[in-house]
Amino acid sequence: MNTEHDGCNIRLTEDGKVVAVAEVETTDDPTVIRASLHTEAGHHPVATGARLVDAVLDLDETRQRHILEVSLPLGDVEALQRLRSRCRDVRTRPAGATCLADAELPSTP
């Protein structure tokens, strides 16, 4: 699986097909960054959600902020587990077919 960046947009591809995308945007609040994660329907490689979370958290724009507001597909356990393993104080709530999460980002060394 390949990771492609286009500014703050991330695409995970396999065999030339997009399997997951993340749209990342800064906010007027210099401490907050937002991300919307989406996994394409159908079969996708194991850990796709986790890899997408890693790609978002590894962006320079994300590392400069303190709070991540993220929406991800409800039931994407891999993505949620990776978010919880890499961030402090992750709070979630359902919103239809989406999981909304607020996460305290790790401090950069």
N, C-alpha and C. Protein backbone atom coordinates (compact mmCIF):
# COMPACT_ATOMS: atom_id res chain seq x y z
N MET A 1 0.86 -1.17 0.00
CA MET A 1 0.00 0.00 0.00
C MET A 1 0.90 1.23 0.00
N ASN A 2 0.54 2.22 -0.81
CA ASN A 2 1.30 3.45 -0.93
C ASN A 2 0.54 4.61 -0.30
N THR A 3 1.30 5.55 0.26
CA THR A 3 0.72 6.76 0.84
C THR A 3 1.11 7.93 -0.04
N GLU A 4 0.11 8.71 -0.48
CA GLU A 4 0.35 9.88 -1.31
C GLU A 4 -0.16 11.11 -0.59
N HIS A 5 0.66 12.18 -0.60
CA HIS A 5 0.27 13.44 0.03
C HIS A 5 0.10 14.49 -1.05
N ASP A 6 -0.93 15.28 -0.91
CA ASP A 6 -1.16 16.42 -1.78
C ASP A 6 -1.53 17.57 -0.85
N GLY A 7 -0.53 18.26 -0.36
CA GLY A 7 -0.78 19.28 0.67
C GLY A 7 -1.24 18.58 1.93
N CYS A 8 -2.42 18.90 2.37
CA CYS A 8 -2.97 18.29 3.58
C CYS A 8 -3.94 17.16 3.26
N ASN A 9 -4.00 16.73 2.01
CA ASN A 9 -4.83 15.60 1.64
C ASN A 9 -3.95 14.36 1.50
N ILE A 10 -4.45 13.25 2.02
CA ILE A 10 -3.69 12.00 2.04
C ILE A 10 -4.53 10.93 1.35
N ARG A 11 -3.88 10.14 0.50
CA ARG A 11 -4.54 9.02 -0.15
C ARG A 11 -3.71 7.77 0.06
N LEU A 12 -4.35 6.69 0.47
CA LEU A 12 -3.70 5.38 0.53
C LEU A 12 -4.17 4.62 -0.70
N THR A 13 -3.22 4.11 -1.46
CA THR A 13 -3.56 3.40 -2.68
C THR A 13 -2.96 2.00 -2.66
N GLU A 14 -3.65 1.10 -3.35
CA GLU A 14 -3.14 -0.25 -3.55
C GLU A 14 -3.48 -0.67 -4.97
N ASP A 15 -2.47 -1.09 -5.70
CA ASP A 15 -2.64 -1.48 -7.10
C ASP A 15 -3.30 -0.38 -7.91
N GLY A 16 -2.94 0.88 -7.63
CA GLY A 16 -3.46 2.01 -8.37
C GLY A 16 -4.85 2.46 -7.96
N LYS A 17 -5.48 1.78 -7.02
CA LYS A 17 -6.83 2.15 -6.56
C LYS A 17 -6.74 2.83 -5.20
N VAL A 18 -7.49 3.91 -5.03
CA VAL A 18 -7.56 4.59 -3.73
C VAL A 18 -8.41 3.74 -2.79
N VAL A 19 -7.84 3.40 -1.63
CA VAL A 19 -8.58 2.61 -0.64
C VAL A 19 -9.01 3.43 0.56
N ALA A 20 -8.33 4.57 0.80
CA ALA A 20 -8.68 5.43 1.93
C ALA A 20 -8.15 6.84 1.68
N VAL A 21 -8.87 7.82 2.21
CA VAL A 21 -8.44 9.20 2.07
C VAL A 21 -8.62 9.94 3.40
N ALA A 22 -7.82 10.97 3.58
CA ALA A 22 -7.96 11.86 4.72
C ALA A 22 -7.84 13.29 4.22
N GLU A 23 -8.77 14.11 4.63
CA GLU A 23 -8.70 15.54 4.34
C GLU A 23 -8.39 16.25 5.64
N VAL A 24 -7.31 16.99 5.65
CA VAL A 24 -6.85 17.66 6.87
C VAL A 24 -6.92 19.16 6.63
N GLU A 25 -7.47 19.89 7.61
CA GLU A 25 -7.57 21.33 7.48
C GLU A 25 -7.22 22.02 8.79
N THR A 26 -6.54 23.14 8.66
CA THR A 26 -6.23 23.95 9.83
C THR A 26 -7.47 24.77 10.18
N THR A 27 -7.49 25.29 11.38
CA THR A 27 -8.61 26.12 11.83
C THR A 27 -8.08 27.50 12.23
N ASP A 28 -8.99 28.39 12.54
CA ASP A 28 -8.58 29.72 13.03
C ASP A 28 -7.91 29.62 14.39
N ASP A 29 -8.23 28.57 15.12
CA ASP A 29 -7.61 28.34 16.43
C ASP A 29 -6.25 27.69 16.19
N PRO A 30 -5.15 28.34 16.58
CA PRO A 30 -3.81 27.80 16.29
C PRO A 30 -3.49 26.50 17.04
N THR A 31 -4.36 26.07 17.93
CA THR A 31 -4.10 24.83 18.66
C THR A 31 -4.87 23.64 18.10
N VAL A 32 -5.80 23.89 17.16
CA VAL A 32 -6.70 22.83 16.68
C VAL A 32 -6.49 22.56 15.19
N ILE A 33 -6.52 21.28 14.84
CA ILE A 33 -6.51 20.85 13.44
C ILE A 33 -7.63 19.82 13.27
N ARG A 34 -8.24 19.80 12.09
CA ARG A 34 -9.35 18.89 11.83
C ARG A 34 -8.96 17.91 10.73
N ALA A 35 -9.50 16.69 10.84
CA ALA A 35 -9.27 15.69 9.81
C ALA A 35 -10.55 14.88 9.60
N SER A 36 -10.79 14.54 8.35
CA SER A 36 -11.91 13.69 8.00
C SER A 36 -11.34 12.46 7.31
N LEU A 37 -11.55 11.29 7.90
CA LEU A 37 -11.01 10.04 7.37
C LEU A 37 -12.13 9.24 6.70
N HIS A 38 -11.82 8.67 5.56
CA HIS A 38 -12.81 7.88 4.83
C HIS A 38 -12.13 6.66 4.23
N THR A 39 -12.74 5.51 4.41
CA THR A 39 -12.26 4.27 3.81
C THR A 39 -13.26 3.86 2.75
N GLU A 40 -12.76 3.54 1.57
CA GLU A 40 -13.65 3.14 0.48
C GLU A 40 -14.37 1.85 0.84
N ALA A 41 -15.55 1.68 0.27
CA ALA A 41 -16.34 0.47 0.52
C ALA A 41 -15.64 -0.74 -0.10
N GLY A 42 -15.91 -1.88 0.47
CA GLY A 42 -15.35 -3.11 -0.06
C GLY A 42 -14.13 -3.57 0.72
N HIS A 43 -13.46 -4.56 0.17
CA HIS A 43 -12.29 -5.14 0.82
C HIS A 43 -11.11 -4.18 0.72
N HIS A 44 -10.39 -4.04 1.83
CA HIS A 44 -9.17 -3.24 1.84
C HIS A 44 -8.15 -3.94 2.73
N PRO A 45 -6.87 -3.62 2.56
CA PRO A 45 -5.82 -4.29 3.33
C PRO A 45 -5.98 -4.08 4.84
N VAL A 46 -5.50 -5.06 5.58
CA VAL A 46 -5.50 -4.97 7.04
C VAL A 46 -4.71 -3.73 7.45
N ALA A 47 -5.18 -3.05 8.48
CA ALA A 47 -4.54 -1.88 9.07
C ALA A 47 -4.64 -0.63 8.20
N THR A 48 -5.55 -0.60 7.25
CA THR A 48 -5.73 0.59 6.42
C THR A 48 -6.09 1.79 7.29
N GLY A 49 -7.04 1.64 8.19
CA GLY A 49 -7.44 2.74 9.07
C GLY A 49 -6.30 3.21 9.95
N ALA A 50 -5.53 2.28 10.48
CA ALA A 50 -4.39 2.63 11.33
C ALA A 50 -3.33 3.39 10.53
N ARG A 51 -3.07 2.96 9.31
CA ARG A 51 -2.08 3.65 8.48
C ARG A 51 -2.54 5.06 8.12
N LEU A 52 -3.84 5.22 7.92
CA LEU A 52 -4.36 6.55 7.62
C LEU A 52 -4.20 7.48 8.82
N VAL A 53 -4.50 6.98 10.01
CA VAL A 53 -4.30 7.77 11.23
C VAL A 53 -2.82 8.14 11.38
N ASP A 54 -1.93 7.20 11.17
CA ASP A 54 -0.49 7.49 11.25
C ASP A 54 -0.10 8.60 10.28
N ALA A 55 -0.61 8.54 9.05
CA ALA A 55 -0.26 9.55 8.05
C ALA A 55 -0.74 10.93 8.48
N VAL A 56 -1.93 11.01 9.06
CA VAL A 56 -2.45 12.29 9.55
C VAL A 56 -1.60 12.81 10.71
N LEU A 57 -1.30 11.94 11.66
CA LEU A 57 -0.54 12.37 12.84
C LEU A 57 0.90 12.73 12.51
N ASP A 58 1.43 12.20 11.41
CA ASP A 58 2.81 12.47 11.03
C ASP A 58 2.98 13.72 10.17
N LEU A 59 1.87 14.35 9.78
CA LEU A 59 1.96 15.60 9.02
C LEU A 59 2.57 16.70 9.87
N ASP A 60 3.41 17.54 9.26
CA ASP A 60 3.99 18.68 9.98
C ASP A 60 2.91 19.60 10.54
N GLU A 61 1.85 19.81 9.76
CA GLU A 61 0.76 20.69 10.20
C GLU A 61 0.11 20.15 11.47
N THR A 62 -0.02 18.84 11.57
CA THR A 62 -0.63 18.23 12.75
C THR A 62 0.31 18.35 13.95
N ARG A 63 1.57 18.13 13.74
CA ARG A 63 2.55 18.18 14.83
C ARG A 63 2.66 19.56 15.47
N GLN A 64 2.23 20.59 14.75
CA GLN A 64 2.31 21.96 15.27
C GLN A 64 1.08 22.33 16.09
N ARG A 65 0.13 21.44 16.21
CA ARG A 65 -1.11 21.71 16.93
C ARG A 65 -1.19 20.88 18.21
N HIS A 66 -2.20 21.15 19.03
CA HIS A 66 -2.36 20.43 20.29
C HIS A 66 -3.60 19.54 20.33
N ILE A 67 -4.61 19.89 19.54
CA ILE A 67 -5.88 19.15 19.54
C ILE A 67 -6.21 18.71 18.11
N LEU A 68 -6.61 17.46 17.96
CA LEU A 68 -7.09 16.95 16.69
C LEU A 68 -8.58 16.65 16.82
N GLU A 69 -9.37 17.26 15.95
CA GLU A 69 -10.79 16.96 15.85
C GLU A 69 -10.93 16.11 14.59
N VAL A 70 -11.37 14.87 14.77
CA VAL A 70 -11.37 13.94 13.63
C VAL A 70 -12.72 13.24 13.49
N SER A 71 -13.12 13.03 12.25
CA SER A 71 -14.29 12.20 11.98
C SER A 71 -13.79 10.98 11.22
N LEU A 72 -14.31 9.82 11.62
CA LEU A 72 -13.92 8.57 10.98
C LEU A 72 -15.13 7.66 10.92
N PRO A 73 -15.10 6.68 10.04
CA PRO A 73 -16.26 5.80 9.92
C PRO A 73 -16.54 5.08 11.24
N LEU A 74 -17.80 5.09 11.64
CA LEU A 74 -18.20 4.36 12.84
C LEU A 74 -17.90 2.88 12.61
N GLY A 75 -17.20 2.27 13.53
CA GLY A 75 -16.84 0.86 13.40
C GLY A 75 -15.44 0.63 12.87
N ASP A 76 -14.70 1.71 12.53
CA ASP A 76 -13.31 1.53 12.09
C ASP A 76 -12.43 1.38 13.33
N VAL A 77 -12.43 0.18 13.85
CA VAL A 77 -11.73 -0.12 15.10
C VAL A 77 -10.23 0.11 14.98
N GLU A 78 -9.65 -0.26 13.84
CA GLU A 78 -8.20 -0.09 13.66
C GLU A 78 -7.81 1.38 13.78
N ALA A 79 -8.57 2.26 13.14
CA ALA A 79 -8.25 3.68 13.19
C ALA A 79 -8.41 4.22 14.61
N LEU A 80 -9.48 3.84 15.26
CA LEU A 80 -9.73 4.32 16.62
C LEU A 80 -8.67 3.81 17.60
N GLN A 81 -8.30 2.55 17.47
CA GLN A 81 -7.26 2.02 18.35
C GLN A 81 -5.93 2.73 18.13
N ARG A 82 -5.58 3.01 16.87
CA ARG A 82 -4.33 3.71 16.59
C ARG A 82 -4.38 5.12 17.14
N LEU A 83 -5.51 5.78 17.01
CA LEU A 83 -5.66 7.12 17.56
C LEU A 83 -5.46 7.10 19.07
N ARG A 84 -6.07 6.13 19.74
CA ARG A 84 -5.93 6.02 21.19
C ARG A 84 -4.51 5.65 21.61
N SER A 85 -3.80 4.88 20.80
CA SER A 85 -2.44 4.48 21.17
C SER A 85 -1.44 5.61 20.97
N ARG A 86 -1.74 6.54 20.07
CA ARG A 86 -0.79 7.61 19.77
C ARG A 86 -1.13 8.95 20.41
N CYS A 87 -2.35 9.10 20.89
CA CYS A 87 -2.78 10.38 21.47
C CYS A 87 -3.25 10.19 22.90
N ARG A 88 -3.21 11.28 23.64
CA ARG A 88 -3.72 11.27 25.00
C ARG A 88 -5.15 11.75 25.00
N ASP A 89 -5.90 11.33 25.96
CA ASP A 89 -7.25 11.84 26.21
C ASP A 89 -8.10 11.91 24.95
N VAL A 90 -8.42 10.76 24.39
CA VAL A 90 -9.27 10.67 23.21
C VAL A 90 -10.72 10.53 23.66
N ARG A 91 -11.55 11.44 23.21
CA ARG A 91 -12.98 11.40 23.55
C ARG A 91 -13.78 11.20 22.26
N THR A 92 -14.70 10.25 22.30
CA THR A 92 -15.46 9.92 21.09
C THR A 92 -16.96 10.05 21.33
N ARG A 93 -17.68 10.23 20.22
CA ARG A 93 -19.13 10.25 20.26
C ARG A 93 -19.63 9.88 18.87
N PRO A 94 -20.74 9.13 18.81
CA PRO A 94 -21.28 8.77 17.50
C PRO A 94 -22.08 9.92 16.91
N ALA A 95 -22.09 9.97 15.58
CA ALA A 95 -22.91 10.95 14.86
C ALA A 95 -23.36 10.27 13.57
N GLY A 96 -24.47 9.57 13.63
CA GLY A 96 -24.95 8.81 12.47
C GLY A 96 -24.00 7.66 12.18
N ALA A 97 -23.47 7.60 10.95
CA ALA A 97 -22.54 6.54 10.55
C ALA A 97 -21.09 6.96 10.77
N THR A 98 -20.91 8.02 11.55
CA THR A 98 -19.58 8.58 11.78
C THR A 98 -19.25 8.58 13.27
N CYS A 99 -17.97 8.45 13.56
CA CYS A 99 -17.46 8.61 14.92
C CYS A 99 -16.69 9.93 14.95
N LEU A 100 -17.07 10.81 15.84
CA LEU A 100 -16.35 12.06 16.03
C LEU A 100 -15.44 11.90 17.24
N ALA A 101 -14.21 12.34 17.10
CA ALA A 101 -13.25 12.20 18.20
C ALA A 101 -12.46 13.49 18.36
N ASP A 102 -12.19 13.81 19.61
CA ASP A 102 -11.29 14.91 19.96
C ASP A 102 -10.13 14.27 20.68
N ALA A 103 -8.92 14.56 20.23
CA ALA A 103 -7.74 13.92 20.80
C ALA A 103 -6.68 14.95 21.12
N GLU A 104 -6.06 14.79 22.27
CA GLU A 104 -4.92 15.62 22.63
C GLU A 104 -3.70 15.04 21.94
N LEU A 105 -3.07 15.83 21.10
CA LEU A 105 -1.93 15.34 20.33
C LEU A 105 -0.69 15.22 21.19
N PRO A 106 0.17 14.25 20.87
CA PRO A 106 1.41 14.11 21.64
C PRO A 106 2.30 15.31 21.43
N SER A 107 3.08 15.63 22.44
CA SER A 107 4.03 16.73 22.33
C SER A 107 5.15 16.33 21.40
N THR A 108 5.62 17.29 20.60
CA THR A 108 6.76 16.99 19.73
C THR A 108 8.04 17.29 20.50
N PRO A 109 9.04 16.44 20.34
CA PRO A 109 10.29 16.64 21.08
C PRO A 109 11.02 17.91 20.66
